[in-house]
């Protein structure tokens, strides 16, 4: 897979409220992936971390403009990096609309489990 470089930008804090705080990223030129959810890797200062990515609109929040964000599994950055690299390795599913933020949170939990499986990480119950 291709590796892209992106700046970390401010988000709306919705990931934190859902229990899955994300790093919001600028969409790099040349990213031609279809909209959806992906398992992949985040690279910061030469270290690689697993991540569950969302690329596309956020219909549950009535936000049609595409965004790129990543929930980094089992790691928080302090301070948050200004720039990082990433690769999208496995397509998990298309963007979906959910009836509520709680339903979205339940789906993200499944996406994280799929990410762990596809990246050969231990499952956490």
PDB file of N, CA and C in Angstrom:
ATOM      1  N   UNK A   1       0.833  -1.196   0.000  1.00  0.00           N
ATOM      2  CA  UNK A   1       0.000   0.000   0.000  1.00  0.00           C
ATOM      3  C   UNK A   1       0.866   1.243   0.000  1.00  0.00           C
ATOM      4  N   UNK A   2       0.290   2.312  -0.475  1.00  0.00           N
ATOM      5  CA  UNK A   2       0.982   3.602  -0.490  1.00  0.00           C
ATOM      6  C   UNK A   2       0.995   4.224   0.898  1.00  0.00           C
ATOM      7  N   UNK A   3       2.073   4.942   1.173  1.00  0.00           N
ATOM      8  CA  UNK A   3       2.164   5.710   2.404  1.00  0.00           C
ATOM      9  C   UNK A   3       1.972   7.176   2.067  1.00  0.00           C
ATOM     10  N   UNK A   4       1.150   7.852   2.845  1.00  0.00           N
ATOM     11  CA  UNK A   4       0.838   9.260   2.643  1.00  0.00           C
ATOM     12  C   UNK A   4       1.283  10.055   3.855  1.00  0.00           C
ATOM     13  N   UNK A   5       1.545  11.328   3.638  1.00  0.00           N
ATOM     14  CA  UNK A   5       1.881  12.239   4.725  1.00  0.00           C
ATOM     15  C   UNK A   5       0.715  13.206   4.886  1.00  0.00           C
ATOM     16  N   UNK A   6       0.400  13.544   6.135  1.00  0.00           N
ATOM     17  CA  UNK A   6      -0.740  14.413   6.400  1.00  0.00           C
ATOM     18  C   UNK A   6      -0.488  15.257   7.638  1.00  0.00           C
ATOM     19  N   UNK A   7      -1.097  16.448   7.648  1.00  0.00           N
ATOM     20  CA  UNK A   7      -1.065  17.293   8.834  1.00  0.00           C
ATOM     21  C   UNK A   7      -2.225  16.897   9.748  1.00  0.00           C
ATOM     22  N   UNK A   8      -2.001  16.956  11.044  1.00  0.00           N
ATOM     23  CA  UNK A   8      -3.059  16.731  12.028  1.00  0.00           C
ATOM     24  C   UNK A   8      -3.758  18.068  12.236  1.00  0.00           C
ATOM     25  N   UNK A   9      -5.085  18.053  12.140  1.00  0.00           N
ATOM     26  CA  UNK A   9      -5.882  19.276  12.261  1.00  0.00           C
ATOM     27  C   UNK A   9      -6.902  19.121  13.385  1.00  0.00           C
ATOM     28  N   UNK A  10      -7.489  20.225  13.786  1.00  0.00           N
ATOM     29  CA  UNK A  10      -8.511  20.192  14.841  1.00  0.00           C
ATOM     30  C   UNK A  10      -9.797  19.582  14.312  1.00  0.00           C
ATOM     31  N   UNK A  11     -10.445  18.807  15.164  1.00  0.00           N
ATOM     32  CA  UNK A  11     -11.747  18.241  14.833  1.00  0.00           C
ATOM     33  C   UNK A  11     -12.820  18.857  15.710  1.00  0.00           C
ATOM     34  N   UNK A  12     -13.963  18.196  15.767  1.00  0.00           N
ATOM     35  CA  UNK A  12     -15.089  18.693  16.553  1.00  0.00           C
ATOM     36  C   UNK A  12     -15.200  18.022  17.920  1.00  0.00           C
ATOM     37  N   UNK A  13     -14.342  17.038  18.207  1.00  0.00           N
ATOM     38  CA  UNK A  13     -14.377  16.356  19.490  1.00  0.00           C
ATOM     39  C   UNK A  13     -15.421  15.261  19.586  1.00  0.00           C
ATOM     40  N   UNK A  14     -16.059  14.921  18.464  1.00  0.00           N
ATOM     41  CA  UNK A  14     -17.119  13.903  18.506  1.00  0.00           C
ATOM     42  C   UNK A  14     -16.561  12.513  18.781  1.00  0.00           C
ATOM     43  N   UNK A  15     -15.365  12.218  18.270  1.00  0.00           N
ATOM     44  CA  UNK A  15     -14.760  10.909  18.524  1.00  0.00           C
ATOM     45  C   UNK A  15     -14.552  10.676  20.009  1.00  0.00           C
ATOM     46  N   UNK A  16     -14.115  11.700  20.704  1.00  0.00           N
ATOM     47  CA  UNK A  16     -13.922  11.612  22.156  1.00  0.00           C
ATOM     48  C   UNK A  16     -15.249  11.293  22.848  1.00  0.00           C
ATOM     49  N   UNK A  17     -16.317  11.957  22.426  1.00  0.00           N
ATOM     50  CA  UNK A  17     -17.634  11.714  23.023  1.00  0.00           C
ATOM     51  C   UNK A  17     -18.135  10.301  22.743  1.00  0.00           C
ATOM     52  N   UNK A  18     -17.740   9.735  21.597  1.00  0.00           N
ATOM     53  CA  UNK A  18     -18.148   8.372  21.236  1.00  0.00           C
ATOM     54  C   UNK A  18     -17.302   7.308  21.929  1.00  0.00           C
ATOM     55  N   UNK A  19     -16.221   7.731  22.588  1.00  0.00           N
ATOM     56  CA  UNK A  19     -15.327   6.779  23.234  1.00  0.00           C
ATOM     57  C   UNK A  19     -14.184   6.336  22.342  1.00  0.00           C
ATOM     58  N   UNK A  20     -14.042   6.978  21.188  1.00  0.00           N
ATOM     59  CA  UNK A  20     -12.987   6.652  20.241  1.00  0.00           C
ATOM     60  C   UNK A  20     -12.351   7.948  19.743  1.00  0.00           C
ATOM     61  N   UNK A  21     -11.477   8.556  20.563  1.00  0.00           N
ATOM     62  CA  UNK A  21     -10.872   9.821  20.148  1.00  0.00           C
ATOM     63  C   UNK A  21     -10.016   9.628  18.899  1.00  0.00           C
ATOM     64  N   UNK A  22     -10.192  10.516  17.949  1.00  0.00           N
ATOM     65  CA  UNK A  22      -9.487  10.387  16.680  1.00  0.00           C
ATOM     66  C   UNK A  22      -8.520  11.537  16.463  1.00  0.00           C
ATOM     67  N   UNK A  23      -7.553  11.277  15.602  1.00  0.00           N
ATOM     68  CA  UNK A  23      -6.728  12.332  15.046  1.00  0.00           C
ATOM     69  C   UNK A  23      -7.361  12.688  13.711  1.00  0.00           C
ATOM     70  N   UNK A  24      -7.658  13.951  13.522  1.00  0.00           N
ATOM     71  CA  UNK A  24      -8.229  14.424  12.263  1.00  0.00           C
ATOM     72  C   UNK A  24      -7.083  14.851  11.368  1.00  0.00           C
ATOM     73  N   UNK A  25      -7.142  14.447  10.104  1.00  0.00           N
ATOM     74  CA  UNK A  25      -6.033  14.644   9.183  1.00  0.00           C
ATOM     75  C   UNK A  25      -6.469  15.413   7.945  1.00  0.00           C
ATOM     76  N   UNK A  26      -5.536  16.167   7.377  1.00  0.00           N
ATOM     77  CA  UNK A  26      -5.802  16.744   6.065  1.00  0.00           C
ATOM     78  C   UNK A  26      -5.810  15.601   5.060  1.00  0.00           C
ATOM     79  N   UNK A  27      -6.643  15.720   4.049  1.00  0.00           N
ATOM     80  CA  UNK A  27      -6.707  14.685   3.015  1.00  0.00           C
ATOM     81  C   UNK A  27      -5.574  14.968   2.028  1.00  0.00           C
ATOM     82  N   UNK A  28      -4.597  14.064   1.959  1.00  0.00           N
ATOM     83  CA  UNK A  28      -3.449  14.345   1.093  1.00  0.00           C
ATOM     84  C   UNK A  28      -3.803  14.236  -0.389  1.00  0.00           C
ATOM     85  N   UNK A  29      -3.121  15.049  -1.200  1.00  0.00           N
ATOM     86  CA  UNK A  29      -3.274  14.930  -2.643  1.00  0.00           C
ATOM     87  C   UNK A  29      -2.800  13.537  -3.037  1.00  0.00           C
ATOM     88  N   UNK A  30      -3.476  12.937  -3.964  1.00  0.00           N
ATOM     89  CA  UNK A  30      -3.086  11.615  -4.420  1.00  0.00           C
ATOM     90  C   UNK A  30      -3.800  10.489  -3.706  1.00  0.00           C
ATOM     91  N   UNK A  31      -4.557  10.794  -2.648  1.00  0.00           N
ATOM     92  CA  UNK A  31      -5.326   9.755  -1.971  1.00  0.00           C
ATOM     93  C   UNK A  31      -6.571   9.477  -2.809  1.00  0.00           C
ATOM     94  N   UNK A  32      -6.594   8.332  -3.455  1.00  0.00           N
ATOM     95  CA  UNK A  32      -7.695   7.984  -4.356  1.00  0.00           C
ATOM     96  C   UNK A  32      -8.533   6.828  -3.820  1.00  0.00           C
ATOM     97  N   UNK A  33      -8.376   6.494  -2.553  1.00  0.00           N
ATOM     98  CA  UNK A  33      -9.138   5.400  -1.951  1.00  0.00           C
ATOM     99  C   UNK A  33     -10.629   5.724  -1.993  1.00  0.00           C
ATOM    100  N   UNK A  34     -11.437   4.670  -2.117  1.00  0.00           N
ATOM    101  CA  UNK A  34     -12.881   4.912  -2.054  1.00  0.00           C
ATOM    102  C   UNK A  34     -13.261   5.240  -0.615  1.00  0.00           C
ATOM    103  N   UNK A  35     -14.344   5.980  -0.471  1.00  0.00           N
ATOM    104  CA  UNK A  35     -14.803   6.344   0.863  1.00  0.00           C
ATOM    105  C   UNK A  35     -15.168   5.090   1.634  1.00  0.00           C
ATOM    106  N   UNK A  36     -14.813   5.096   2.911  1.00  0.00           N
ATOM    107  CA  UNK A  36     -15.130   3.956   3.756  1.00  0.00           C
ATOM    108  C   UNK A  36     -14.253   3.927   4.989  1.00  0.00           C
ATOM    109  N   UNK A  37     -14.263   2.761   5.636  1.00  0.00           N
ATOM    110  CA  UNK A  37     -13.501   2.528   6.858  1.00  0.00           C
ATOM    111  C   UNK A  37     -12.399   1.524   6.538  1.00  0.00           C
ATOM    112  N   UNK A  38     -11.214   1.795   7.060  1.00  0.00           N
ATOM    113  CA  UNK A  38     -10.023   1.006   6.744  1.00  0.00           C
ATOM    114  C   UNK A  38      -9.255   0.640   8.005  1.00  0.00           C
ATOM    115  N   UNK A  39      -8.553  -0.471   7.948  1.00  0.00           N
ATOM    116  CA  UNK A  39      -7.522  -0.819   8.921  1.00  0.00           C
ATOM    117  C   UNK A  39      -6.200  -0.395   8.310  1.00  0.00           C
ATOM    118  N   UNK A  40      -5.340   0.208   9.099  1.00  0.00           N
ATOM    119  CA  UNK A  40      -4.062   0.645   8.547  1.00  0.00           C
ATOM    120  C   UNK A  40      -3.074   0.998   9.635  1.00  0.00           C
ATOM    121  N   UNK A  41      -2.057   1.709   9.213  1.00  0.00           N
ATOM    122  CA  UNK A  41      -0.965   2.064  10.112  1.00  0.00           C
ATOM    123  C   UNK A  41      -0.731   3.568  10.124  1.00  0.00           C
ATOM    124  N   UNK A  42      -0.376   4.075  11.292  1.00  0.00           N
ATOM    125  CA  UNK A  42       0.037   5.458  11.496  1.00  0.00           C
ATOM    126  C   UNK A  42       1.518   5.414  11.856  1.00  0.00           C
ATOM    127  N   UNK A  43       2.314   6.259  11.219  1.00  0.00           N
ATOM    128  CA  UNK A  43       3.742   6.309  11.509  1.00  0.00           C
ATOM    129  C   UNK A  43       4.076   7.695  12.052  1.00  0.00           C
ATOM    130  N   UNK A  44       4.608   7.705  13.278  1.00  0.00           N
ATOM    131  CA  UNK A  44       5.006   8.944  13.942  1.00  0.00           C
ATOM    132  C   UNK A  44       6.416   8.739  14.482  1.00  0.00           C
ATOM    133  N   UNK A  45       7.316   9.633  14.093  1.00  0.00           N
ATOM    134  CA  UNK A  45       8.706   9.594  14.566  1.00  0.00           C
ATOM    135  C   UNK A  45       9.316   8.204  14.397  1.00  0.00           C
ATOM    136  N   UNK A  46       9.035   7.583  13.256  1.00  0.00           N
ATOM    137  CA  UNK A  46       9.612   6.276  12.953  1.00  0.00           C
ATOM    138  C   UNK A  46       8.934   5.096  13.628  1.00  0.00           C
ATOM    139  N   UNK A  47       7.926   5.348  14.437  1.00  0.00           N
ATOM    140  CA  UNK A  47       7.204   4.265  15.106  1.00  0.00           C
ATOM    141  C   UNK A  47       5.875   4.031  14.412  1.00  0.00           C
ATOM    142  N   UNK A  48       5.477   2.770  14.293  1.00  0.00           N
ATOM    143  CA  UNK A  48       4.243   2.399  13.611  1.00  0.00           C
ATOM    144  C   UNK A  48       3.192   1.977  14.639  1.00  0.00           C
ATOM    145  N   UNK A  49       1.979   2.521  14.469  1.00  0.00           N
ATOM    146  CA  UNK A  49       0.871   2.233  15.370  1.00  0.00           C
ATOM    147  C   UNK A  49      -0.339   1.806  14.545  1.00  0.00           C
ATOM    148  N   UNK A  50      -1.117   0.820  15.020  1.00  0.00           N
ATOM    149  CA  UNK A  50      -2.309   0.408  14.282  1.00  0.00           C
ATOM    150  C   UNK A  50      -3.421   1.434  14.422  1.00  0.00           C
ATOM    151  N   UNK A  51      -4.215   1.562  13.359  1.00  0.00           N
ATOM    152  CA  UNK A  51      -5.302   2.527  13.393  1.00  0.00           C
ATOM    153  C   UNK A  51      -6.500   2.084  12.592  1.00  0.00           C
ATOM    154  N   UNK A  52      -7.676   2.542  13.019  1.00  0.00           N
ATOM    155  CA  UNK A  52      -8.929   2.365  12.285  1.00  0.00           C
ATOM    156  C   UNK A  52      -9.260   3.731  11.689  1.00  0.00           C
ATOM    157  N   UNK A  53      -9.320   3.801  10.364  1.00  0.00           N
ATOM    158  CA  UNK A  53      -9.485   5.049   9.631  1.00  0.00           C
ATOM    159  C   UNK A  53     -10.899   5.199   9.095  1.00  0.00           C
ATOM    160  N   UNK A  54     -11.375   6.430   9.060  1.00  0.00           N
ATOM    161  CA  UNK A  54     -12.624   6.775   8.370  1.00  0.00           C
ATOM    162  C   UNK A  54     -12.253   7.808   7.312  1.00  0.00           C
ATOM    163  N   UNK A  55     -12.656   7.533   6.064  1.00  0.00           N
ATOM    164  CA  UNK A  55     -12.426   8.471   4.975  1.00  0.00           C
ATOM    165  C   UNK A  55     -13.746   8.665   4.242  1.00  0.00           C
ATOM    166  N   UNK A  56     -14.275   9.867   4.306  1.00  0.00           N
ATOM    167  CA  UNK A  56     -15.523  10.164   3.619  1.00  0.00           C
ATOM    168  C   UNK A  56     -16.403  11.073   4.449  1.00  0.00           C
ATOM    169  N   UNK A  57     -17.673  11.215   4.021  1.00  0.00           N
ATOM    170  CA  UNK A  57     -18.611  12.069   4.759  1.00  0.00           C
ATOM    171  C   UNK A  57     -19.003  11.428   6.092  1.00  0.00           C
ATOM    172  N   UNK A  58     -19.646  12.224   6.937  1.00  0.00           N
ATOM    173  CA  UNK A  58     -20.132  11.752   8.242  1.00  0.00           C
ATOM    174  C   UNK A  58     -21.653  11.941   8.285  1.00  0.00           C
ATOM    175  N   UNK A  59     -22.407  11.045   7.637  1.00  0.00           N
ATOM    176  CA  UNK A  59     -23.854  11.270   7.550  1.00  0.00           C
ATOM    177  C   UNK A  59     -24.574  11.311   8.897  1.00  0.00           C
ATOM    178  N   UNK A  60     -24.099  10.570   9.902  1.00  0.00           N
ATOM    179  CA  UNK A  60     -24.766  10.578  11.203  1.00  0.00           C
ATOM    180  C   UNK A  60     -24.721  11.979  11.832  1.00  0.00           C
ATOM    181  N   UNK A  61     -23.740  12.792  11.420  1.00  0.00           N
ATOM    182  CA  UNK A  61     -23.627  14.158  11.923  1.00  0.00           C
ATOM    183  C   UNK A  61     -24.012  15.179  10.851  1.00  0.00           C
ATOM    184  N   UNK A  62     -24.704  14.726   9.807  1.00  0.00           N
ATOM    185  CA  UNK A  62     -25.168  15.590   8.704  1.00  0.00           C
ATOM    186  C   UNK A  62     -24.020  16.401   8.108  1.00  0.00           C
ATOM    187  N   UNK A  63     -22.878  15.742   7.947  1.00  0.00           N
ATOM    188  CA  UNK A  63     -21.687  16.392   7.415  1.00  0.00           C
ATOM    189  C   UNK A  63     -21.310  15.738   6.080  1.00  0.00           C
ATOM    190  N   UNK A  64     -21.687  16.369   4.951  1.00  0.00           N
ATOM    191  CA  UNK A  64     -21.440  15.749   3.647  1.00  0.00           C
ATOM    192  C   UNK A  64     -20.004  15.891   3.133  1.00  0.00           C
ATOM    193  N   UNK A  65     -19.240  16.822   3.705  1.00  0.00           N
ATOM    194  CA  UNK A  65     -17.869  17.040   3.238  1.00  0.00           C
ATOM    195  C   UNK A  65     -16.974  15.886   3.714  1.00  0.00           C
ATOM    196  N   UNK A  66     -16.186  15.280   2.807  1.00  0.00           N
ATOM    197  CA  UNK A  66     -15.307  14.182   3.226  1.00  0.00           C
ATOM    198  C   UNK A  66     -14.283  14.618   4.267  1.00  0.00           C
ATOM    199  N   UNK A  67     -14.044  13.734   5.205  1.00  0.00           N
ATOM    200  CA  UNK A  67     -13.023  13.933   6.232  1.00  0.00           C
ATOM    201  C   UNK A  67     -12.144  12.687   6.276  1.00  0.00           C
ATOM    202  N   UNK A  68     -10.976  12.846   6.872  1.00  0.00           N
ATOM    203  CA  UNK A  68     -10.067  11.728   7.106  1.00  0.00           C
ATOM    204  C   UNK A  68      -9.702  11.776   8.576  1.00  0.00           C
ATOM    205  N   UNK A  69      -9.982  10.678   9.270  1.00  0.00           N
ATOM    206  CA  UNK A  69      -9.660  10.621  10.696  1.00  0.00           C
ATOM    207  C   UNK A  69      -9.237   9.211  11.051  1.00  0.00           C
ATOM    208  N   UNK A  70      -8.467   9.100  12.123  1.00  0.00           N
ATOM    209  CA  UNK A  70      -7.973   7.795  12.552  1.00  0.00           C
ATOM    210  C   UNK A  70      -8.082   7.674  14.065  1.00  0.00           C
ATOM    211  N   UNK A  71      -8.587   6.516  14.488  1.00  0.00           N
ATOM    212  CA  UNK A  71      -8.541   6.132  15.895  1.00  0.00           C
ATOM    213  C   UNK A  71      -7.313   5.243  16.030  1.00  0.00           C
ATOM    214  N   UNK A  72      -6.322   5.707  16.770  1.00  0.00           N
ATOM    215  CA  UNK A  72      -5.088   4.952  16.971  1.00  0.00           C
ATOM    216  C   UNK A  72      -5.329   3.989  18.127  1.00  0.00           C
ATOM    217  N   UNK A  73      -5.184   2.700  17.856  1.00  0.00           N
ATOM    218  CA  UNK A  73      -5.459   1.679  18.858  1.00  0.00           C
ATOM    219  C   UNK A  73      -4.389   1.693  19.949  1.00  0.00           C
ATOM    220  N   UNK A  74      -4.828   1.700  21.188  1.00  0.00           N
ATOM    221  CA  UNK A  74      -3.978   1.528  22.364  1.00  0.00           C
ATOM    222  C   UNK A  74      -2.829   2.516  22.472  1.00  0.00           C
ATOM    223  N   UNK A  75      -3.007   3.713  21.924  1.00  0.00           N
ATOM    224  CA  UNK A  75      -1.953   4.708  22.062  1.00  0.00           C
ATOM    225  C   UNK A  75      -2.568   6.102  21.984  1.00  0.00           C
ATOM    226  N   UNK A  76      -2.102   6.960  22.845  1.00  0.00           N
ATOM    227  CA  UNK A  76      -2.465   8.371  22.752  1.00  0.00           C
ATOM    228  C   UNK A  76      -1.172   9.156  22.633  1.00  0.00           C
ATOM    229  N   UNK A  77      -1.225  10.223  21.900  1.00  0.00           N
ATOM    230  CA  UNK A  77      -0.042  11.033  21.688  1.00  0.00           C
ATOM    231  C   UNK A  77      -0.098  12.272  22.568  1.00  0.00           C
ATOM    232  N   UNK A  78       0.993  12.505  23.296  1.00  0.00           N
ATOM    233  CA  UNK A  78       1.126  13.722  24.079  1.00  0.00           C
ATOM    234  C   UNK A  78       2.565  14.193  23.919  1.00  0.00           C
ATOM    235  N   UNK A  79       2.770  15.248  23.204  1.00  0.00           N
ATOM    236  CA  UNK A  79       1.782  16.062  22.500  1.00  0.00           C
ATOM    237  C   UNK A  79       1.333  15.388  21.206  1.00  0.00           C
ATOM    238  N   UNK A  80       0.230  15.881  20.693  1.00  0.00           N
ATOM    239  CA  UNK A  80      -0.284  15.387  19.417  1.00  0.00           C
ATOM    240  C   UNK A  80       0.701  15.803  18.325  1.00  0.00           C
ATOM    241  N   UNK A  81       1.072  14.868  17.441  1.00  0.00           N
ATOM    242  CA  UNK A  81       2.009  15.242  16.370  1.00  0.00           C
ATOM    243  C   UNK A  81       1.376  16.248  15.413  1.00  0.00           C
ATOM    244  N   UNK A  82       2.218  17.066  14.805  1.00  0.00           N
ATOM    245  CA  UNK A  82       1.723  18.038  13.820  1.00  0.00           C
ATOM    246  C   UNK A  82       1.578  17.395  12.445  1.00  0.00           C
ATOM    247  N   UNK A  83       2.439  16.411  12.180  1.00  0.00           N
ATOM    248  CA  UNK A  83       2.447  15.710  10.903  1.00  0.00           C
ATOM    249  C   UNK A  83       2.666  14.232  11.187  1.00  0.00           C
ATOM    250  N   UNK A  84       2.054  13.385  10.379  1.00  0.00           N
ATOM    251  CA  UNK A  84       2.276  11.947  10.482  1.00  0.00           C
ATOM    252  C   UNK A  84       2.174  11.338   9.095  1.00  0.00           C
ATOM    253  N   UNK A  85       2.609  10.103   9.001  1.00  0.00           N
ATOM    254  CA  UNK A  85       2.434   9.327   7.779  1.00  0.00           C
ATOM    255  C   UNK A  85       1.455   8.209   8.085  1.00  0.00           C
ATOM    256  N   UNK A  86       0.802   7.700   7.038  1.00  0.00           N
ATOM    257  CA  UNK A  86      -0.145   6.614   7.248  1.00  0.00           C
ATOM    258  C   UNK A  86      -0.281   5.774   5.984  1.00  0.00           C
ATOM    259  N   UNK A  87      -0.780   4.570   6.181  1.00  0.00           N
ATOM    260  CA  UNK A  87      -1.132   3.709   5.051  1.00  0.00           C
ATOM    261  C   UNK A  87      -2.461   3.037   5.357  1.00  0.00           C
ATOM    262  N   UNK A  88      -3.306   2.973   4.357  1.00  0.00           N
ATOM    263  CA  UNK A  88      -4.581   2.269   4.453  1.00  0.00           C
ATOM    264  C   UNK A  88      -4.352   0.870   3.901  1.00  0.00           C
ATOM    265  N   UNK A  89      -4.472  -0.139   4.743  1.00  0.00           N
ATOM    266  CA  UNK A  89      -4.104  -1.501   4.348  1.00  0.00           C
ATOM    267  C   UNK A  89      -5.295  -2.374   3.948  1.00  0.00           C
ATOM    268  N   UNK A  90      -6.386  -2.301   4.692  1.00  0.00           N
ATOM    269  CA  UNK A  90      -7.534  -3.190   4.468  1.00  0.00           C
ATOM    270  C   UNK A  90      -8.829  -2.388   4.486  1.00  0.00           C
ATOM    271  N   UNK A  91      -9.608  -2.521   3.434  1.00  0.00           N
ATOM    272  CA  UNK A  91     -10.933  -1.885   3.373  1.00  0.00           C
ATOM    273  C   UNK A  91     -11.890  -2.716   4.217  1.00  0.00           C
ATOM    274  N   UNK A  92     -12.570  -2.081   5.171  1.00  0.00           N
ATOM    275  CA  UNK A  92     -13.489  -2.798   6.059  1.00  0.00           C
ATOM    276  C   UNK A  92     -14.938  -2.706   5.597  1.00  0.00           C
ATOM    277  N   UNK A  93     -15.366  -1.487   5.252  1.00  0.00           N
ATOM    278  CA  UNK A  93     -16.778  -1.309   4.912  1.00  0.00           C
ATOM    279  C   UNK A  93     -16.996   0.076   4.319  1.00  0.00           C
ATOM    280  N   UNK A  94     -18.141   0.265   3.648  1.00  0.00           N
ATOM    281  CA  UNK A  94     -18.453   1.606   3.144  1.00  0.00           C
ATOM    282  C   UNK A  94     -18.922   2.526   4.276  1.00  0.00           C
ATOM    283  N   UNK A  95     -18.973   3.820   3.980  1.00  0.00           N
ATOM    284  CA  UNK A  95     -19.553   4.793   4.906  1.00  0.00           C
ATOM    285  C   UNK A  95     -21.033   4.462   5.045  1.00  0.00           C
ATOM    286  N   UNK A  96     -21.522   4.487   6.274  1.00  0.00           N
ATOM    287  CA  UNK A  96     -22.936   4.212   6.543  1.00  0.00           C
ATOM    288  C   UNK A  96     -23.530   5.348   7.351  1.00  0.00           C
ATOM    289  N   UNK A  97     -24.837   5.489   7.248  1.00  0.00           N
ATOM    290  CA  UNK A  97     -25.545   6.407   8.134  1.00  0.00           C
ATOM    291  C   UNK A  97     -26.070   5.585   9.308  1.00  0.00           C
ATOM    292  N   UNK A  98     -26.066   6.153  10.485  1.00  0.00           N
ATOM    293  CA  UNK A  98     -26.522   5.458  11.682  1.00  0.00           C
ATOM    294  C   UNK A  98     -27.645   6.253  12.313  1.00  0.00           C
ATOM    295  N   UNK A  99     -28.602   5.567  12.957  1.00  0.00           N
ATOM    296  CA  UNK A  99     -29.736   6.277  13.544  1.00  0.00           C
ATOM    297  C   UNK A  99     -29.362   7.138  14.746  1.00  0.00           C
ATOM    298  N   UNK A 100     -28.173   6.867  15.325  1.00  0.00           N
ATOM    299  CA  UNK A 100     -27.776   7.618  16.518  1.00  0.00           C
ATOM    300  C   UNK A 100     -26.264   7.516  16.701  1.00  0.00           C
ATOM    301  N   UNK A 101     -25.686   8.428  17.470  1.00  0.00           N
ATOM    302  CA  UNK A 101     -24.267   8.293  17.808  1.00  0.00           C
ATOM    303  C   UNK A 101     -23.965   6.980  18.543  1.00  0.00           C
ATOM    304  N   UNK A 102     -24.896   6.482  19.365  1.00  0.00           N
ATOM    305  CA  UNK A 102     -24.677   5.216  20.078  1.00  0.00           C
ATOM    306  C   UNK A 102     -24.548   4.049  19.094  1.00  0.00           C
ATOM    307  N   UNK A 103     -25.362   4.052  18.042  1.00  0.00           N
ATOM    308  CA  UNK A 103     -25.270   3.004  17.030  1.00  0.00           C
ATOM    309  C   UNK A 103     -23.940   3.105  16.278  1.00  0.00           C
ATOM    310  N   UNK A 104     -23.489   4.325  16.018  1.00  0.00           N
ATOM    311  CA  UNK A 104     -22.186   4.523  15.390  1.00  0.00           C
ATOM    312  C   UNK A 104     -21.082   3.995  16.302  1.00  0.00           C
ATOM    313  N   UNK A 105     -21.152   4.292  17.585  1.00  0.00           N
ATOM    314  CA  UNK A 105     -20.148   3.828  18.539  1.00  0.00           C
ATOM    315  C   UNK A 105     -20.074   2.301  18.563  1.00  0.00           C
ATOM    316  N   UNK A 106     -21.221   1.629  18.522  1.00  0.00           N
ATOM    317  CA  UNK A 106     -21.245   0.168  18.497  1.00  0.00           C
ATOM    318  C   UNK A 106     -20.568  -0.359  17.228  1.00  0.00           C
ATOM    319  N   UNK A 107     -20.794   0.306  16.096  1.00  0.00           N
ATOM    320  CA  UNK A 107     -20.155  -0.109  14.848  1.00  0.00           C
ATOM    321  C   UNK A 107     -18.647   0.123  14.905  1.00  0.00           C
ATOM    322  N   UNK A 108     -18.228   1.236  15.491  1.00  0.00           N
ATOM    323  CA  UNK A 108     -16.788   1.514  15.595  1.00  0.00           C
ATOM    324  C   UNK A 108     -16.115   0.430  16.418  1.00  0.00           C
ATOM    325  N   UNK A 109     -16.782  -0.028  17.465  1.00  0.00           N
ATOM    326  CA  UNK A 109     -16.224  -1.115  18.288  1.00  0.00           C
ATOM    327  C   UNK A 109     -15.972  -2.346  17.420  1.00  0.00           C
ATOM    328  N   UNK A 110     -16.912  -2.668  16.530  1.00  0.00           N
ATOM    329  CA  UNK A 110     -16.731  -3.794  15.606  1.00  0.00           C
ATOM    330  C   UNK A 110     -15.599  -3.519  14.618  1.00  0.00           C
ATOM    331  N   UNK A 111     -15.521  -2.278  14.125  1.00  0.00           N
ATOM    332  CA  UNK A 111     -14.455  -1.905  13.195  1.00  0.00           C
ATOM    333  C   UNK A 111     -13.083  -2.054  13.841  1.00  0.00           C
ATOM    334  N   UNK A 112     -12.971  -1.681  15.107  1.00  0.00           N
ATOM    335  CA  UNK A 112     -11.708  -1.808  15.818  1.00  0.00           C
ATOM    336  C   UNK A 112     -11.339  -3.286  15.974  1.00  0.00           C
ATOM    337  N   UNK A 113     -12.310  -4.136  16.290  1.00  0.00           N
ATOM    338  CA  UNK A 113     -12.042  -5.574  16.391  1.00  0.00           C
ATOM    339  C   UNK A 113     -11.578  -6.122  15.039  1.00  0.00           C
ATOM    340  N   UNK A 114     -12.204  -5.693  13.954  1.00  0.00           N
ATOM    341  CA  UNK A 114     -11.786  -6.122  12.614  1.00  0.00           C
ATOM    342  C   UNK A 114     -10.373  -5.631  12.303  1.00  0.00           C
ATOM    343  N   UNK A 115     -10.080  -4.398  12.689  1.00  0.00           N
ATOM    344  CA  UNK A 115      -8.741  -3.845  12.483  1.00  0.00           C
ATOM    345  C   UNK A 115      -7.708  -4.683  13.209  1.00  0.00           C
ATOM    346  N   UNK A 116      -7.991  -5.024  14.453  1.00  0.00           N
ATOM    347  CA  UNK A 116      -7.070  -5.847  15.244  1.00  0.00           C
ATOM    348  C   UNK A 116      -6.825  -7.185  14.549  1.00  0.00           C
ATOM    349  N   UNK A 117      -7.883  -7.797  14.061  1.00  0.00           N
ATOM    350  CA  UNK A 117      -7.769  -9.102  13.410  1.00  0.00           C
ATOM    351  C   UNK A 117      -6.940  -9.000  12.124  1.00  0.00           C
ATOM    352  N   UNK A 118      -7.267  -8.019  11.285  1.00  0.00           N
ATOM    353  CA  UNK A 118      -6.598  -7.896   9.992  1.00  0.00           C
ATOM    354  C   UNK A 118      -5.131  -7.489  10.105  1.00  0.00           C
ATOM    355  N   UNK A 119      -4.785  -6.770  11.173  1.00  0.00           N
ATOM    356  CA  UNK A 119      -3.400  -6.359  11.374  1.00  0.00           C
ATOM    357  C   UNK A 119      -2.655  -7.331  12.287  1.00  0.00           C
ATOM    358  N   UNK A 120      -3.273  -8.475  12.549  1.00  0.00           N
ATOM    359  CA  UNK A 120      -2.667  -9.534  13.358  1.00  0.00           C
ATOM    360  C   UNK A 120      -2.264  -9.070  14.752  1.00  0.00           C
ATOM    361  N   UNK A 121      -3.186  -8.346  15.404  1.00  0.00           N
ATOM    362  CA  UNK A 121      -2.992  -7.883  16.766  1.00  0.00           C
ATOM    363  C   UNK A 121      -3.812  -8.741  17.711  1.00  0.00           C
ATOM    364  N   UNK A 122      -3.417  -8.852  18.962  1.00  0.00           N
ATOM    365  CA  UNK A 122      -4.221  -9.620  19.914  1.00  0.00           C
ATOM    366  C   UNK A 122      -5.607  -8.963  20.103  1.00  0.00           C
ATOM    367  N   UNK A 123      -6.614  -9.807  20.189  1.00  0.00           N
ATOM    368  CA  UNK A 123      -7.976  -9.308  20.454  1.00  0.00           C
ATOM    369  C   UNK A 123      -8.118  -8.962  21.920  1.00  0.00           C
ATOM    370  N   UNK A 124      -8.877  -7.932  22.197  1.00  0.00           N
ATOM    371  CA  UNK A 124      -9.145  -7.509  23.576  1.00  0.00           C
ATOM    372  C   UNK A 124     -10.633  -7.653  23.810  1.00  0.00           C
ATOM    373  N   UNK A 125     -11.001  -8.314  24.900  1.00  0.00           N
ATOM    374  CA  UNK A 125     -12.437  -8.477  25.165  1.00  0.00           C
ATOM    375  C   UNK A 125     -12.969  -7.437  26.089  1.00  0.00           C
TER     376      UNK A 125
END
